[in-house]
Amino acid sequence: MAAPRYEIGNAVTRIREDDNDARFTVRRNGKVFYIKLSPSNFVNSPNMTNKYKSYLEVLNSGQEVLGEIYDSDVYDWVMARFEPFFTNLAPDPPVETITVTLKEYLYPDFFIFILDIIDEKLQPRLVPTEESPYWPSFVRFDNDFLDDLETWTTLYDPANIIISHKAPKDALFKVPKKVLIDNGQTELKPYKKIHEAGLDSRLNVYCLYGIVMDDCDFILGLLLTYVHCGSRPLSARGHPEEPDDLTPAVRERWMGQLETALSALHENSIVWGDVKAANVLIDKNEDAWLIDFGGGYTEGWVDKDVAGTVMGDFTGMTRLRTLLFPAK
């Protein structure tokens, strides 16, 4: 029988120096399994305890392989005991009924398990609870700030936002990257200025469509322009040594698009800020998009003493041009 499909979201280890626990988050069919391993739950099992500690070293290293142990060996060792639970507690829904909202992704049905090891045998244990051990990240602002937001953007309930994937079933497993809305402290001031200047319809720049807010007025995230780029920023495209080396005409077009966008931003007193190749996305039509406004800077791209200024933007653009045209 084939193994059931599931996605391991993350594995957390060594929160403290003396912490030998491991925590796994697994998503399957819209439900989440939180799995904890701790030597405090191992009884009369020296062999399995030693194996677990060697596996823990692999996870702590952050490497794909350590010695003769692959990280996939670790995941297989843990998950094999839980696959029957994945199947029984998160059965496959009919494909034609799959619609997943952002609320369902952020606040899923969940199960908490502990993996006991007793007399060298691995024994999963379901822990009954009504409280999730994890909550989505959020920020909260005062009423005056929220009132201002409503004057220039839209506040969306996550229950009304549909997660979009090419394969509908992927919405039950994968991290959402694209969502659908009804019209088809993160730094918000640049987005407000872009909206007020009408640049959102004229430039290849990230624009804000709305704010995701829950029933407690917690801001869960931003709805930004979706750039169909296959997750390939300029930093992965602009090297002449790459097999898909780009023609001078393509490089000139990208540079022209970036310079046009930045000029319009500066004319409206908007600073790009964290200028770098990773903050330029190349879409499926081979056009360059400028993203990620506001605070921060990256060493080697913008000098700290001019970060967040027009001069800092010019410095970063000079380095972008050097990346695209290394011989010039």
Protein backbone atom coordinates (compact mmCIF):
# COMPACT_ATOMS: atom_id res chain seq x y z
CA MET A 1 0.00 0.00 0.00
CA ALA A 2 1.31 3.43 -0.92
CA ALA A 3 2.16 5.82 1.89
CA PRO A 4 -0.44 8.54 2.50
CA ARG A 5 0.37 12.02 1.23
CA TYR A 6 1.36 14.64 3.80
CA GLU A 7 3.62 17.70 4.03
CA ILE A 8 6.11 18.25 6.86
CA GLY A 9 5.87 21.97 7.57
CA ASN A 10 8.80 22.25 9.93
CA ALA A 11 10.90 20.50 12.54
CA VAL A 12 11.88 22.51 15.60
CA THR A 13 14.78 21.44 17.82
CA ARG A 14 17.05 22.91 20.47
CA ILE A 15 15.00 25.83 21.72
CA ARG A 16 17.45 25.81 24.64
CA GLU A 17 20.98 24.47 24.85
CA ASP A 18 19.88 21.63 27.18
CA ASP A 19 16.73 20.89 25.17
CA ASN A 20 16.70 17.46 23.52
CA ASP A 21 13.10 17.62 22.37
CA ALA A 22 11.95 17.68 18.75
CA ARG A 23 8.67 19.02 17.42
CA PHE A 24 7.23 18.29 13.98
CA THR A 25 4.34 19.98 12.21
CA VAL A 26 2.61 17.91 9.54
CA ARG A 27 -0.26 18.99 7.28
CA ARG A 28 -2.61 16.60 5.52
CA ASN A 29 -5.96 17.26 3.88
CA GLY A 30 -6.38 20.59 5.65
CA LYS A 31 -5.65 19.19 9.10
CA VAL A 32 -2.48 19.64 11.13
CA PHE A 33 -0.64 17.14 13.30
CA TYR A 34 1.73 18.43 15.99
CA ILE A 35 4.17 15.71 17.01
CA LYS A 36 6.56 15.93 19.96
CA LEU A 37 9.46 13.66 20.86
CA SER A 38 11.26 13.96 24.18
CA PRO A 39 13.67 11.65 26.02
CA SER A 40 11.52 12.23 29.09
CA ASN A 41 8.94 9.97 27.41
CA PHE A 42 11.41 7.15 26.70
CA VAL A 43 11.24 4.23 29.17
CA ASN A 44 13.67 1.33 29.32
CA SER A 45 14.84 2.04 25.76
CA PRO A 46 18.60 2.79 25.64
CA ASN A 47 19.02 1.65 22.02
CA MET A 48 16.20 3.78 20.67
CA THR A 49 17.29 6.69 22.85
CA ASN A 50 20.76 6.58 21.28
CA LYS A 51 19.26 6.37 17.81
CA TYR A 52 17.02 9.34 18.55
CA LYS A 53 19.97 11.42 19.78
CA SER A 54 21.95 10.64 16.62
CA TYR A 55 18.93 11.67 14.56
CA LEU A 56 18.58 14.83 16.63
CA GLU A 57 22.16 15.76 15.74
CA VAL A 58 21.22 15.62 12.05
CA LEU A 59 18.25 17.94 12.58
CA ASN A 60 20.31 20.32 14.73
CA SER A 61 23.02 20.48 12.06
CA GLY A 62 20.62 21.80 9.43
CA GLN A 63 22.42 19.64 6.87
CA GLU A 64 20.90 17.16 4.48
CA VAL A 65 23.32 14.46 5.57
CA LEU A 66 25.54 14.06 8.63
CA GLY A 67 27.88 11.09 8.65
CA GLU A 68 25.83 8.30 7.13
CA ILE A 69 22.44 9.63 8.24
CA TYR A 70 20.21 11.65 5.91
CA ASP A 71 17.57 14.00 7.24
CA SER A 72 15.04 11.99 5.23
CA ASP A 73 15.98 8.96 7.37
CA VAL A 74 14.92 10.92 10.44
CA TYR A 75 11.60 11.98 8.96
CA ASP A 76 10.86 8.46 7.74
CA TRP A 77 11.66 7.00 11.16
CA VAL A 78 9.24 9.35 12.92
CA MET A 79 6.46 9.60 10.36
CA ALA A 80 6.13 5.87 9.66
CA ARG A 81 4.49 5.44 13.08
CA PHE A 82 1.96 8.16 12.39
CA GLU A 83 0.88 7.32 8.84
CA PRO A 84 -2.13 5.23 10.03
CA PHE A 85 -3.28 8.23 12.09
CA PHE A 86 -2.83 10.56 9.11
CA THR A 87 -5.07 8.30 7.05
CA ASN A 88 -7.76 7.80 9.69
CA LEU A 89 -7.94 11.30 11.15
CA ALA A 90 -7.48 13.23 7.89
CA PRO A 91 -9.20 11.16 5.18
CA ASP A 92 -9.27 12.27 1.56
CA PRO A 93 -12.23 14.53 0.74
CA PRO A 94 -14.03 14.37 -2.62
CA VAL A 95 -11.90 16.36 -5.07
CA GLU A 96 -14.88 18.26 -6.46
CA THR A 97 -15.64 19.77 -3.01
CA ILE A 98 -12.19 21.17 -2.27
CA THR A 99 -12.27 24.87 -1.40
CA VAL A 100 -9.93 26.06 1.33
CA THR A 101 -10.11 29.51 2.88
CA LEU A 102 -7.24 31.35 4.48
CA LYS A 103 -9.04 31.08 7.81
CA GLU A 104 -9.11 27.29 7.50
CA TYR A 105 -5.38 27.30 6.73
CA LEU A 106 -4.47 29.61 9.62
CA TYR A 107 -6.83 28.00 12.15
CA PRO A 108 -7.01 24.35 11.09
CA ASP A 109 -8.43 21.35 12.86
CA PHE A 110 -5.47 19.83 14.68
CA PHE A 111 -4.21 16.83 16.59
CA ILE A 112 -1.42 16.73 19.17
CA PHE A 113 0.68 13.61 19.53
CA ILE A 114 3.58 12.49 21.69
CA LEU A 115 5.82 9.67 20.54
CA ASP A 116 6.54 7.45 23.53
CA ILE A 117 9.29 4.84 23.35
CA ILE A 118 8.69 2.03 25.84
CA ASP A 119 10.76 -1.14 25.95
CA GLU A 120 12.35 -0.09 22.63
CA LYS A 121 8.97 0.17 20.90
CA LEU A 122 7.70 3.42 19.37
CA GLN A 123 4.15 4.16 20.53
CA PRO A 124 2.28 7.26 19.29
CA ARG A 125 -0.02 8.81 21.90
CA LEU A 126 -2.85 11.22 21.11
CA VAL A 127 -3.09 14.08 23.61
CA PRO A 128 -6.68 15.38 23.99
CA THR A 129 -6.79 19.18 24.04
CA GLU A 130 -8.93 22.03 22.76
CA GLU A 131 -6.10 24.58 22.58
CA SER A 132 -3.69 24.72 19.67
CA PRO A 133 0.01 24.97 20.61
CA TYR A 134 0.58 27.39 17.72
CA TRP A 135 -1.19 30.50 16.49
CA PRO A 136 -0.53 32.48 13.33
CA SER A 137 1.67 35.56 13.52
CA PHE A 138 -0.24 38.82 13.79
CA VAL A 139 0.09 42.49 14.67
CA ARG A 140 -2.43 44.78 16.28
CA PHE A 141 -2.78 48.56 15.90
CA ASP A 142 -4.85 51.21 17.64
CA ASN A 143 -8.26 52.31 16.39
CA ASP A 144 -6.96 55.50 14.78
CA PHE A 145 -4.55 53.49 12.63
CA LEU A 146 -7.29 51.05 11.63
CA ASP A 147 -9.67 53.89 10.80
CA ASP A 148 -7.02 55.36 8.48
CA LEU A 149 -6.50 51.97 6.80
CA GLU A 150 -10.16 51.80 5.91
CA THR A 151 -9.94 55.12 4.05
CA TRP A 152 -7.56 53.80 1.38
CA THR A 153 -7.62 50.00 1.40
CA THR A 154 -9.96 47.10 2.14
CA LEU A 155 -10.10 44.92 5.23
CA TYR A 156 -10.71 41.24 4.44
CA ASP A 157 -11.98 38.46 6.65
CA PRO A 158 -9.72 35.41 6.11
CA ALA A 159 -12.90 33.33 5.84
CA ASN A 160 -13.63 35.11 2.55
CA ILE A 161 -10.20 34.55 1.00
CA ILE A 162 -9.78 31.40 -1.11
CA ILE A 163 -6.39 29.71 -1.39
CA SER A 164 -5.48 29.11 -5.02
CA HIS A 165 -3.30 26.33 -6.44
CA LYS A 166 -3.12 24.81 -9.91
CA ALA A 167 -4.16 21.49 -8.37
CA PRO A 168 -7.07 22.21 -5.97
CA LYS A 169 -5.98 19.43 -3.62
CA ASP A 170 -2.63 21.18 -3.02
CA ALA A 171 -4.53 23.77 -0.96
CA LEU A 172 -5.01 21.03 1.65
CA PHE A 173 -1.28 20.42 1.96
CA LYS A 174 0.91 23.28 0.81
CA VAL A 175 1.75 26.75 2.09
CA PRO A 176 -0.44 29.26 0.21
CA LYS A 177 1.35 31.61 -2.19
CA LYS A 178 -1.66 32.85 -4.14
CA VAL A 179 -5.16 33.69 -2.95
CA LEU A 180 -8.38 34.85 -4.59
CA ILE A 181 -10.36 37.80 -3.24
CA ASP A 182 -13.76 39.13 -4.23
CA ASN A 183 -12.43 41.40 -7.01
CA GLY A 184 -10.44 38.68 -8.74
CA GLN A 185 4.36 46.68 12.29
CA THR A 186 4.82 45.86 8.37
CA GLU A 187 5.59 49.13 6.60
CA LEU A 188 2.29 50.28 5.05
CA LYS A 189 3.04 53.92 4.26
CA PRO A 190 4.74 53.19 0.88
CA TYR A 191 1.71 51.19 -0.24
CA LYS A 192 -0.61 54.02 0.76
CA LYS A 193 1.47 56.51 -1.25
CA ILE A 194 1.53 54.16 -4.26
CA HIS A 195 -2.25 53.93 -4.10
CA GLU A 196 -2.75 57.68 -3.70
CA ALA A 197 -0.41 58.43 -6.62
CA GLY A 198 -2.19 55.94 -8.88
CA LEU A 199 1.04 54.05 -9.50
CA ASP A 200 -0.55 50.70 -8.77
CA SER A 201 -2.04 50.56 -12.26
CA ARG A 202 0.97 51.93 -14.18
CA LEU A 203 4.12 50.32 -12.80
CA ASN A 204 5.56 46.87 -12.21
CA VAL A 205 5.56 47.31 -8.45
CA TYR A 206 3.99 45.36 -5.62
CA CYS A 207 0.64 46.90 -4.73
CA LEU A 208 -1.60 46.38 -1.74
CA TYR A 209 -5.09 45.02 -2.39
CA GLY A 210 -6.16 44.75 1.22
CA ILE A 211 -5.46 43.74 4.80
CA VAL A 212 -6.38 40.35 6.28
CA MET A 213 -7.97 40.84 9.71
CA ASP A 214 -9.67 38.35 12.01
CA ASP A 215 -12.62 38.79 14.38
CA CYS A 216 -10.35 40.10 17.15
CA ASP A 217 -8.98 42.90 14.92
CA PHE A 218 -5.65 41.09 14.62
CA ILE A 219 -3.90 41.88 11.33
CA LEU A 220 -2.77 38.53 9.95
CA GLY A 221 -1.14 39.67 6.72
CA LEU A 222 -1.25 41.69 3.52
CA LEU A 223 -2.83 40.88 0.17
CA LEU A 224 -0.25 41.93 -2.40
CA THR A 225 0.08 41.74 -6.18
CA TYR A 226 0.62 38.18 -7.37
CA VAL A 227 3.63 38.00 -9.67
CA HIS A 228 3.67 34.76 -11.67
CA CYS A 229 7.40 34.18 -11.59
CA GLY A 230 7.95 30.58 -10.52
CA SER A 231 9.79 31.90 -7.43
CA ARG A 232 12.73 33.14 -9.51
CA PRO A 233 14.07 36.51 -8.39
CA LEU A 234 16.66 38.46 -10.34
CA SER A 235 19.32 37.06 -8.01
CA ALA A 236 18.73 33.66 -9.67
CA ARG A 237 18.59 35.01 -13.21
CA GLY A 238 21.20 37.70 -13.64
CA HIS A 239 24.43 35.73 -13.75
CA PRO A 240 26.10 35.36 -17.17
CA GLU A 241 27.61 32.02 -16.10
CA GLU A 242 24.13 30.45 -15.83
CA PRO A 243 22.96 28.08 -18.59
CA ASP A 244 20.00 30.35 -19.39
CA ASP A 245 22.25 33.38 -19.89
CA LEU A 246 20.24 36.42 -20.95
CA THR A 247 20.60 38.57 -24.00
CA PRO A 248 21.71 42.21 -23.62
CA ALA A 249 18.26 43.29 -24.85
CA VAL A 250 16.51 41.45 -22.01
CA ARG A 251 18.91 42.90 -19.45
CA GLU A 252 18.36 46.40 -20.84
CA ARG A 253 14.59 45.94 -20.64
CA TRP A 254 14.77 44.86 -17.01
CA MET A 255 17.03 47.74 -16.09
CA GLY A 256 14.75 50.17 -17.90
CA GLN A 257 11.68 48.83 -16.10
CA LEU A 258 13.37 49.14 -12.71
CA GLU A 259 14.65 52.63 -13.40
CA THR A 260 11.22 53.77 -14.64
CA ALA A 261 9.52 52.36 -11.55
CA LEU A 262 12.07 53.82 -9.15
CA SER A 263 11.92 57.25 -10.79
CA ALA A 264 8.13 57.32 -10.41
CA LEU A 265 8.41 56.23 -6.78
CA HIS A 266 10.92 58.99 -5.99
CA GLU A 267 8.74 61.59 -7.73
CA ASN A 268 6.05 60.68 -5.20
CA SER A 269 8.40 60.69 -2.17
CA ILE A 270 8.47 56.89 -1.93
CA VAL A 271 11.75 55.15 -1.11
CA TRP A 272 12.29 51.57 -2.21
CA GLY A 273 14.55 50.86 0.75
CA ASP A 274 15.91 47.32 0.69
CA VAL A 275 17.28 47.41 -2.86
CA LYS A 276 18.76 44.07 -3.92
CA ALA A 277 18.44 41.46 -6.63
CA ALA A 278 16.31 39.22 -4.40
CA ASN A 279 13.70 42.01 -4.29
CA VAL A 280 13.29 42.01 -8.06
CA LEU A 281 10.99 39.34 -9.44
CA ILE A 282 11.01 38.25 -13.08
CA ASP A 283 7.55 37.15 -14.19
CA LYS A 284 6.53 34.58 -16.79
CA ASN A 285 6.53 37.31 -19.47
CA GLU A 286 10.17 38.18 -18.68
CA ASP A 287 9.26 41.52 -17.08
CA ALA A 288 10.92 42.86 -13.93
CA TRP A 289 8.88 43.70 -10.82
CA LEU A 290 10.05 45.78 -7.90
CA ILE A 291 8.92 44.42 -4.49
CA ASP A 292 9.37 44.83 -0.72
CA PHE A 293 9.18 48.49 0.28
CA GLY A 294 10.07 50.14 3.54
CA GLY A 295 12.64 49.54 6.22
CA GLY A 296 15.74 47.41 6.26
CA TYR A 297 18.80 47.09 4.12
CA THR A 298 21.10 44.30 3.00
CA GLU A 299 24.84 44.53 3.49
CA GLY A 300 26.62 44.66 0.16
CA TRP A 301 23.69 46.34 -1.58
CA VAL A 302 22.83 49.47 0.40
CA ASP A 303 25.21 51.09 2.86
CA LYS A 304 23.84 51.39 6.37
CA ASP A 305 24.36 55.16 6.61
CA VAL A 306 22.12 55.81 3.57
CA ALA A 307 19.59 53.00 4.15
CA GLY A 308 16.00 54.16 3.70
CA THR A 309 16.95 57.20 1.60
CA VAL A 310 16.88 58.15 -2.07
CA MET A 311 20.69 58.02 -2.05
CA GLY A 312 20.50 54.48 -0.73
CA ASP A 313 18.19 53.54 -3.59
CA PHE A 314 20.67 54.98 -6.12
CA THR A 315 23.50 53.02 -4.49
CA GLY A 316 21.51 49.77 -4.74
CA MET A 317 20.51 50.48 -8.34
CA THR A 318 24.16 51.00 -9.29
CA ARG A 319 24.93 47.57 -7.91
CA LEU A 320 21.95 46.05 -9.71
CA ARG A 321 23.29 47.49 -12.97
CA THR A 322 26.70 45.98 -12.21
CA LEU A 323 25.00 42.62 -11.69
CA LEU A 324 23.18 42.83 -15.01
CA PHE A 325 26.08 44.32 -16.95
CA PRO A 326 29.27 43.10 -15.22
CA ALA A 327 31.51 44.20 -18.10
CA LYS A 328 30.27 47.79 -18.08
